[in-house]
Amino acid sequence: MRQVGLIAGAAATALVAAGAITYAVAGDDGSGRTPSAESADAGFARDMAVHHQQAVEMSYIVRDRTKDEEVRRLAYDIAQTQANQRGMMLGWLDLWGLPKVSSEPPMTWMDMGGMASGKDGALMPGMATNTELKKLGRLSGKQAEIFYLQLMTDHHKGGIHMAEGCVEKCTVGVEKRLAQGMVDAQQSEIGLMADLLKERGAAPRS
């Protein structure tokens, strides 16, 4: 229970606040301009939607592989928060009339298009490989909990790096605020996951 409920409550509050302003079509920086397909705003929305989708997938996998209520609650909170945020980002791309996919490598908007090779499904830093996802699906109980917490810690670190890039480079105010909210929430969850790993005699991988 501990911090999980507090984090979930904060995440829910952030989602309500963000959801109230998903109508934004153009930049709310006063310019009235819609972001371009090559902008940081569009790049972040596209890439983080993909990044979030994997977090949702991992979270639902572990919920089927353990009966531990604390890990299951954390996984559910992460899945719900990131699924909602993913929906908002894809919604913005629709409202802006921009494509949800790009021919450019992921993270090009951060000038880091070569950061991840995409080998074995790891399209961006922090993402799990297809092999790791299959392994998570084979584990159960404490082993599944540890591996999930390690994978999600790495995933959050990669996500935080991308979100910080949006805070710096994006021009749409509502998107910058969502990105900062991601940084704050995921940093808190990394701390919680470190505690959960320690309780299980394990530690983050990096």
C-alpha atoms as a PDB file:
ATOM      1  CA  MET A   1       0.000   0.000   0.000  1.00  0.00           C
ATOM      2  CA  ARG A   2       2.422   2.667   1.239  1.00  0.00           C
ATOM      3  CA  GLN A   3       3.264   5.072  -1.561  1.00  0.00           C
ATOM      4  CA  VAL A   4       1.310   3.214  -4.224  1.00  0.00           C
ATOM      5  CA  GLY A   5      -1.990   4.788  -3.246  1.00  0.00           C
ATOM      6  CA  LEU A   6      -0.428   8.246  -3.020  1.00  0.00           C
ATOM      7  CA  ILE A   7       1.194   7.895  -6.428  1.00  0.00           C
ATOM      8  CA  ALA A   8      -2.046   6.594  -7.912  1.00  0.00           C
ATOM      9  CA  GLY A   9      -3.956   9.534  -6.483  1.00  0.00           C
ATOM     10  CA  ALA A  10      -1.449  12.031  -7.837  1.00  0.00           C
ATOM     11  CA  ALA A  11      -1.517  10.341 -11.232  1.00  0.00           C
ATOM     12  CA  ALA A  12      -5.311  10.428 -11.302  1.00  0.00           C
ATOM     13  CA  THR A  13      -5.329  14.118 -10.422  1.00  0.00           C
ATOM     14  CA  ALA A  14      -2.817  14.830 -13.184  1.00  0.00           C
ATOM     15  CA  LEU A  15      -4.926  12.889 -15.675  1.00  0.00           C
ATOM     16  CA  VAL A  16      -8.081  14.802 -14.804  1.00  0.00           C
ATOM     17  CA  ALA A  17      -6.241  18.114 -15.151  1.00  0.00           C
ATOM     18  CA  ALA A  18      -4.676  17.084 -18.448  1.00  0.00           C
ATOM     19  CA  GLY A  19      -7.900  15.577 -19.734  1.00  0.00           C
ATOM     20  CA  ALA A  20      -9.688  18.854 -19.178  1.00  0.00           C
ATOM     21  CA  ILE A  21      -7.497  20.531 -21.779  1.00  0.00           C
ATOM     22  CA  THR A  22      -7.154  17.881 -24.473  1.00  0.00           C
ATOM     23  CA  TYR A  23      -9.136  20.140 -26.774  1.00  0.00           C
ATOM     24  CA  ALA A  24      -5.949  22.078 -27.591  1.00  0.00           C
ATOM     25  CA  VAL A  25      -5.477  21.900 -31.350  1.00  0.00           C
ATOM     26  CA  ALA A  26      -2.647  24.349 -31.858  1.00  0.00           C
ATOM     27  CA  GLY A  27       0.139  25.642 -29.689  1.00  0.00           C
ATOM     28  CA  ASP A  28      -1.094  27.443 -26.603  1.00  0.00           C
ATOM     29  CA  ASP A  29       1.994  29.627 -26.603  1.00  0.00           C
ATOM     30  CA  GLY A  30      -0.039  32.458 -28.067  1.00  0.00           C
ATOM     31  CA  SER A  31       1.106  31.873 -31.629  1.00  0.00           C
ATOM     32  CA  GLY A  32      -1.979  29.948 -32.718  1.00  0.00           C
ATOM     33  CA  ARG A  33       0.250  27.746 -34.881  1.00  0.00           C
ATOM     34  CA  THR A  34      -0.361  24.027 -35.233  1.00  0.00           C
ATOM     35  CA  PRO A  35       2.848  21.999 -34.701  1.00  0.00           C
ATOM     36  CA  SER A  36       4.486  20.561 -37.815  1.00  0.00           C
ATOM     37  CA  ALA A  37       5.025  16.846 -38.405  1.00  0.00           C
ATOM     38  CA  GLU A  38       8.758  17.340 -37.762  1.00  0.00           C
ATOM     39  CA  SER A  39       8.310  19.324 -34.540  1.00  0.00           C
ATOM     40  CA  ALA A  40       9.337  18.159 -31.098  1.00  0.00           C
ATOM     41  CA  ASP A  41       5.663  18.308 -30.108  1.00  0.00           C
ATOM     42  CA  ALA A  42       4.658  15.782 -32.758  1.00  0.00           C
ATOM     43  CA  GLY A  43       7.783  13.657 -32.324  1.00  0.00           C
ATOM     44  CA  PHE A  44       7.309  13.352 -28.584  1.00  0.00           C
ATOM     45  CA  ALA A  45       3.625  12.484 -28.943  1.00  0.00           C
ATOM     46  CA  ARG A  46       4.397   9.764 -31.501  1.00  0.00           C
ATOM     47  CA  ASP A  47       7.373   8.262 -29.700  1.00  0.00           C
ATOM     48  CA  MET A  48       5.977   8.398 -26.187  1.00  0.00           C
ATOM     49  CA  ALA A  49       2.746   6.771 -27.362  1.00  0.00           C
ATOM     50  CA  VAL A  50       4.824   3.787 -28.509  1.00  0.00           C
ATOM     51  CA  HIS A  51       6.928   3.838 -25.333  1.00  0.00           C
ATOM     52  CA  HIS A  52       3.804   3.954 -23.148  1.00  0.00           C
ATOM     53  CA  GLN A  53       2.150   1.096 -25.018  1.00  0.00           C
ATOM     54  CA  GLN A  54       4.945  -1.255 -23.993  1.00  0.00           C
ATOM     55  CA  ALA A  55       4.621  -0.209 -20.335  1.00  0.00           C
ATOM     56  CA  VAL A  56       0.921  -1.035 -20.501  1.00  0.00           C
ATOM     57  CA  GLU A  57       1.712  -4.423 -22.050  1.00  0.00           C
ATOM     58  CA  MET A  58       4.328  -5.297 -19.416  1.00  0.00           C
ATOM     59  CA  SER A  59       2.019  -4.245 -16.601  1.00  0.00           C
ATOM     60  CA  TYR A  60      -0.800  -6.484 -17.761  1.00  0.00           C
ATOM     61  CA  ILE A  61       1.608  -9.389 -18.217  1.00  0.00           C
ATOM     62  CA  VAL A  62       2.838  -9.207 -14.618  1.00  0.00           C
ATOM     63  CA  ARG A  63      -0.703  -8.902 -13.241  1.00  0.00           C
ATOM     64  CA  ASP A  64      -1.344 -12.355 -14.674  1.00  0.00           C
ATOM     65  CA  ARG A  65       1.931 -13.756 -13.311  1.00  0.00           C
ATOM     66  CA  THR A  66       1.739 -12.817  -9.620  1.00  0.00           C
ATOM     67  CA  LYS A  67      -0.757 -12.673  -6.782  1.00  0.00           C
ATOM     68  CA  ASP A  68       1.181 -10.022  -4.838  1.00  0.00           C
ATOM     69  CA  GLU A  69      -1.310  -7.219  -4.296  1.00  0.00           C
ATOM     70  CA  GLU A  70       1.256  -4.432  -4.013  1.00  0.00           C
ATOM     71  CA  VAL A  71       2.917  -5.243  -7.338  1.00  0.00           C
ATOM     72  CA  ARG A  72      -0.441  -5.864  -8.993  1.00  0.00           C
ATOM     73  CA  ARG A  73      -1.724  -2.476  -7.760  1.00  0.00           C
ATOM     74  CA  LEU A  74       1.396  -0.684  -9.003  1.00  0.00           C
ATOM     75  CA  ALA A  75       1.138  -2.428 -12.382  1.00  0.00           C
ATOM     76  CA  TYR A  76      -2.526  -1.494 -12.684  1.00  0.00           C
ATOM     77  CA  ASP A  77      -1.806   2.158 -11.818  1.00  0.00           C
ATOM     78  CA  ILE A  78       0.995   2.329 -14.394  1.00  0.00           C
ATOM     79  CA  ALA A  79      -1.151   0.664 -17.059  1.00  0.00           C
ATOM     80  CA  GLN A  80      -4.114   2.971 -16.484  1.00  0.00           C
ATOM     81  CA  THR A  81      -2.056   6.163 -16.277  1.00  0.00           C
ATOM     82  CA  GLN A  82       0.029   5.445 -19.347  1.00  0.00           C
ATOM     83  CA  ALA A  83      -2.913   4.182 -21.414  1.00  0.00           C
ATOM     84  CA  ASN A  84      -4.764   7.439 -20.689  1.00  0.00           C
ATOM     85  CA  GLN A  85      -1.728   9.565 -21.470  1.00  0.00           C
ATOM     86  CA  ARG A  86      -1.173   7.600 -24.684  1.00  0.00           C
ATOM     87  CA  GLY A  87      -4.746   8.320 -25.708  1.00  0.00           C
ATOM     88  CA  MET A  88      -4.255  12.036 -25.116  1.00  0.00           C
ATOM     89  CA  MET A  89      -1.077  12.153 -27.201  1.00  0.00           C
ATOM     90  CA  LEU A  90      -2.632  10.260 -30.096  1.00  0.00           C
ATOM     91  CA  GLY A  91      -5.671  12.539 -29.793  1.00  0.00           C
ATOM     92  CA  TRP A  92      -3.472  15.606 -30.127  1.00  0.00           C
ATOM     93  CA  LEU A  93      -1.911  14.199 -33.298  1.00  0.00           C
ATOM     94  CA  ASP A  94      -5.420  13.699 -34.694  1.00  0.00           C
ATOM     95  CA  LEU A  95      -6.446  17.229 -33.753  1.00  0.00           C
ATOM     96  CA  TRP A  96      -3.292  18.627 -35.308  1.00  0.00           C
ATOM     97  CA  GLY A  97      -3.928  16.600 -38.466  1.00  0.00           C
ATOM     98  CA  LEU A  98      -0.519  14.922 -38.183  1.00  0.00           C
ATOM     99  CA  PRO A  99       0.496  11.295 -38.879  1.00  0.00           C
ATOM    100  CA  LYS A 100       0.921   8.881 -35.979  1.00  0.00           C
ATOM    101  CA  VAL A 101       3.960   7.282 -37.614  1.00  0.00           C
ATOM    102  CA  SER A 102       7.095   8.765 -39.136  1.00  0.00           C
ATOM    103  CA  SER A 103       9.695   7.557 -41.616  1.00  0.00           C
ATOM    104  CA  GLU A 104      12.359   9.085 -39.366  1.00  0.00           C
ATOM    105  CA  PRO A 105      13.988   6.992 -36.599  1.00  0.00           C
ATOM    106  CA  PRO A 106      12.514   7.367 -33.098  1.00  0.00           C
ATOM    107  CA  MET A 107      13.847  10.315 -31.079  1.00  0.00           C
ATOM    108  CA  THR A 108      14.941  12.235 -34.194  1.00  0.00           C
ATOM    109  CA  TRP A 109      13.111  15.225 -32.699  1.00  0.00           C
ATOM    110  CA  MET A 110      15.663  15.065 -29.839  1.00  0.00           C
ATOM    111  CA  ASP A 111      18.565  14.841 -32.316  1.00  0.00           C
ATOM    112  CA  MET A 112      19.057  11.307 -31.002  1.00  0.00           C
ATOM    113  CA  GLY A 113      17.720   9.249 -33.881  1.00  0.00           C
ATOM    114  CA  GLY A 114      20.575   6.750 -33.584  1.00  0.00           C
ATOM    115  CA  MET A 115      20.243   6.123 -29.853  1.00  0.00           C
ATOM    116  CA  ALA A 116      18.450   2.776 -30.209  1.00  0.00           C
ATOM    117  CA  SER A 117      19.008   0.268 -32.967  1.00  0.00           C
ATOM    118  CA  GLY A 118      15.528  -1.206 -32.692  1.00  0.00           C
ATOM    119  CA  LYS A 119      17.151  -4.619 -32.293  1.00  0.00           C
ATOM    120  CA  ASP A 120      14.747  -7.236 -30.938  1.00  0.00           C
ATOM    121  CA  GLY A 121      11.958  -4.683 -30.568  1.00  0.00           C
ATOM    122  CA  ALA A 122      13.743  -2.172 -28.304  1.00  0.00           C
ATOM    123  CA  LEU A 123      12.865   0.885 -30.397  1.00  0.00           C
ATOM    124  CA  MET A 124      13.923   3.489 -27.829  1.00  0.00           C
ATOM    125  CA  PRO A 125      16.166   3.652 -24.741  1.00  0.00           C
ATOM    126  CA  GLY A 126      14.635   1.920 -21.758  1.00  0.00           C
ATOM    127  CA  MET A 127      12.328  -0.285 -23.807  1.00  0.00           C
ATOM    128  CA  ALA A 128      12.368  -4.029 -23.178  1.00  0.00           C
ATOM    129  CA  THR A 129      13.299  -6.383 -25.988  1.00  0.00           C
ATOM    130  CA  ASN A 130      10.874  -8.925 -27.406  1.00  0.00           C
ATOM    131  CA  THR A 131      12.985 -11.626 -25.745  1.00  0.00           C
ATOM    132  CA  GLU A 132      12.603  -9.938 -22.348  1.00  0.00           C
ATOM    133  CA  LEU A 133       8.831  -9.631 -22.790  1.00  0.00           C
ATOM    134  CA  LYS A 134       8.601 -13.343 -23.574  1.00  0.00           C
ATOM    135  CA  LYS A 135      10.709 -14.132 -20.513  1.00  0.00           C
ATOM    136  CA  LEU A 136       8.422 -12.026 -18.306  1.00  0.00           C
ATOM    137  CA  GLY A 137       5.469 -14.019 -19.633  1.00  0.00           C
ATOM    138  CA  ARG A 138       7.125 -17.287 -18.614  1.00  0.00           C
ATOM    139  CA  LEU A 139       8.064 -16.254 -15.062  1.00  0.00           C
ATOM    140  CA  SER A 140       5.710 -16.310 -12.083  1.00  0.00           C
ATOM    141  CA  GLY A 141       5.522 -15.180  -8.494  1.00  0.00           C
ATOM    142  CA  LYS A 142       8.558 -13.471  -6.971  1.00  0.00           C
ATOM    143  CA  GLN A 143      10.684 -13.998 -10.101  1.00  0.00           C
ATOM    144  CA  ALA A 144       8.082 -12.260 -12.268  1.00  0.00           C
ATOM    145  CA  GLU A 145       7.785  -9.412  -9.765  1.00  0.00           C
ATOM    146  CA  ILE A 146      11.546  -8.800  -9.693  1.00  0.00           C
ATOM    147  CA  PHE A 147      11.950  -8.936 -13.467  1.00  0.00           C
ATOM    148  CA  TYR A 148       8.978  -6.644 -14.014  1.00  0.00           C
ATOM    149  CA  LEU A 149      10.253  -4.098 -11.492  1.00  0.00           C
ATOM    150  CA  GLN A 150      13.689  -4.151 -13.139  1.00  0.00           C
ATOM    151  CA  LEU A 151      12.275  -3.794 -16.633  1.00  0.00           C
ATOM    152  CA  MET A 152       9.902  -1.019 -15.599  1.00  0.00           C
ATOM    153  CA  THR A 153      12.656   0.867 -13.785  1.00  0.00           C
ATOM    154  CA  ASP A 154      14.714   0.879 -16.992  1.00  0.00           C
ATOM    155  CA  HIS A 155      11.584   1.811 -18.960  1.00  0.00           C
ATOM    156  CA  HIS A 156      10.835   4.755 -16.683  1.00  0.00           C
ATOM    157  CA  LYS A 157      14.421   6.021 -16.911  1.00  0.00           C
ATOM    158  CA  GLY A 158      14.169   6.055 -20.700  1.00  0.00           C
ATOM    159  CA  GLY A 159      10.744   7.688 -20.528  1.00  0.00           C
ATOM    160  CA  ILE A 160      11.971  10.395 -18.156  1.00  0.00           C
ATOM    161  CA  HIS A 161      14.808  11.243 -20.543  1.00  0.00           C
ATOM    162  CA  MET A 162      12.323  11.663 -23.399  1.00  0.00           C
ATOM    163  CA  ALA A 163       9.879  13.661 -21.286  1.00  0.00           C
ATOM    164  CA  GLU A 164      12.654  16.004 -20.172  1.00  0.00           C
ATOM    165  CA  GLY A 165      13.431  16.499 -23.870  1.00  0.00           C
ATOM    166  CA  CYS A 166       9.848  17.609 -24.466  1.00  0.00           C
ATOM    167  CA  VAL A 167       9.924  19.956 -21.484  1.00  0.00           C
ATOM    168  CA  GLU A 168      12.949  21.586 -23.113  1.00  0.00           C
ATOM    169  CA  LYS A 169      11.936  21.472 -26.787  1.00  0.00           C
ATOM    170  CA  CYS A 170       8.132  21.286 -27.087  1.00  0.00           C
ATOM    171  CA  THR A 171       6.188  24.511 -27.687  1.00  0.00           C
ATOM    172  CA  VAL A 172       2.635  23.433 -26.830  1.00  0.00           C
ATOM    173  CA  GLY A 173       2.135  24.370 -23.198  1.00  0.00           C
ATOM    174  CA  VAL A 174      -0.297  21.569 -22.324  1.00  0.00           C
ATOM    175  CA  GLU A 175       2.110  18.994 -23.738  1.00  0.00           C
ATOM    176  CA  LYS A 176       5.072  20.446 -21.851  1.00  0.00           C
ATOM    177  CA  ARG A 177       3.046  20.262 -18.640  1.00  0.00           C
ATOM    178  CA  LEU A 178       2.069  16.663 -19.326  1.00  0.00           C
ATOM    179  CA  ALA A 179       5.733  15.815 -19.955  1.00  0.00           C
ATOM    180  CA  GLN A 180       6.790  17.416 -16.664  1.00  0.00           C
ATOM    181  CA  GLY A 181       4.057  15.457 -14.903  1.00  0.00           C
ATOM    182  CA  MET A 182       5.486  12.258 -16.410  1.00  0.00           C
ATOM    183  CA  VAL A 183       8.945  13.136 -15.090  1.00  0.00           C
ATOM    184  CA  ASP A 184       7.648  13.759 -11.572  1.00  0.00           C
ATOM    185  CA  ALA A 185       5.403  10.678 -11.388  1.00  0.00           C
ATOM    186  CA  GLN A 186       7.898   8.266 -12.896  1.00  0.00           C
ATOM    187  CA  GLN A 187      10.704   9.452 -10.630  1.00  0.00           C
ATOM    188  CA  SER A 188       8.448   8.709  -7.654  1.00  0.00           C
ATOM    189  CA  GLU A 189       7.619   5.274  -9.044  1.00  0.00           C
ATOM    190  CA  ILE A 190      11.324   4.498  -9.568  1.00  0.00           C
ATOM    191  CA  GLY A 191      11.860   5.119  -5.857  1.00  0.00           C
ATOM    192  CA  LEU A 192       8.953   2.889  -4.941  1.00  0.00           C
ATOM    193  CA  MET A 193      10.168   0.128  -7.262  1.00  0.00           C
ATOM    194  CA  ALA A 194      13.637   0.294  -5.709  1.00  0.00           C
ATOM    195  CA  ASP A 195      12.023  -0.342  -2.309  1.00  0.00           C
ATOM    196  CA  LEU A 196       9.974  -3.238  -3.683  1.00  0.00           C
ATOM    197  CA  LEU A 197      13.067  -4.779  -5.257  1.00  0.00           C
ATOM    198  CA  LYS A 198      15.026  -4.433  -2.006  1.00  0.00           C
ATOM    199  CA  GLU A 199      12.249  -6.232  -0.139  1.00  0.00           C
ATOM    200  CA  ARG A 200      12.702  -9.104  -2.580  1.00  0.00           C
ATOM    201  CA  GLY A 201      16.479  -9.238  -2.206  1.00  0.00           C
ATOM    202  CA  ALA A 202      17.073  -7.653  -5.586  1.00  0.00           C
ATOM    203  CA  ALA A 203      18.113  -4.324  -7.098  1.00  0.00           C
ATOM    204  CA  PRO A 204      17.622  -2.326 -10.312  1.00  0.00           C
ATOM    205  CA  ARG A 205      19.719  -3.546 -13.241  1.00  0.00           C
ATOM    206  CA  SER A 206      21.365  -0.155 -13.732  1.00  0.00           C
END
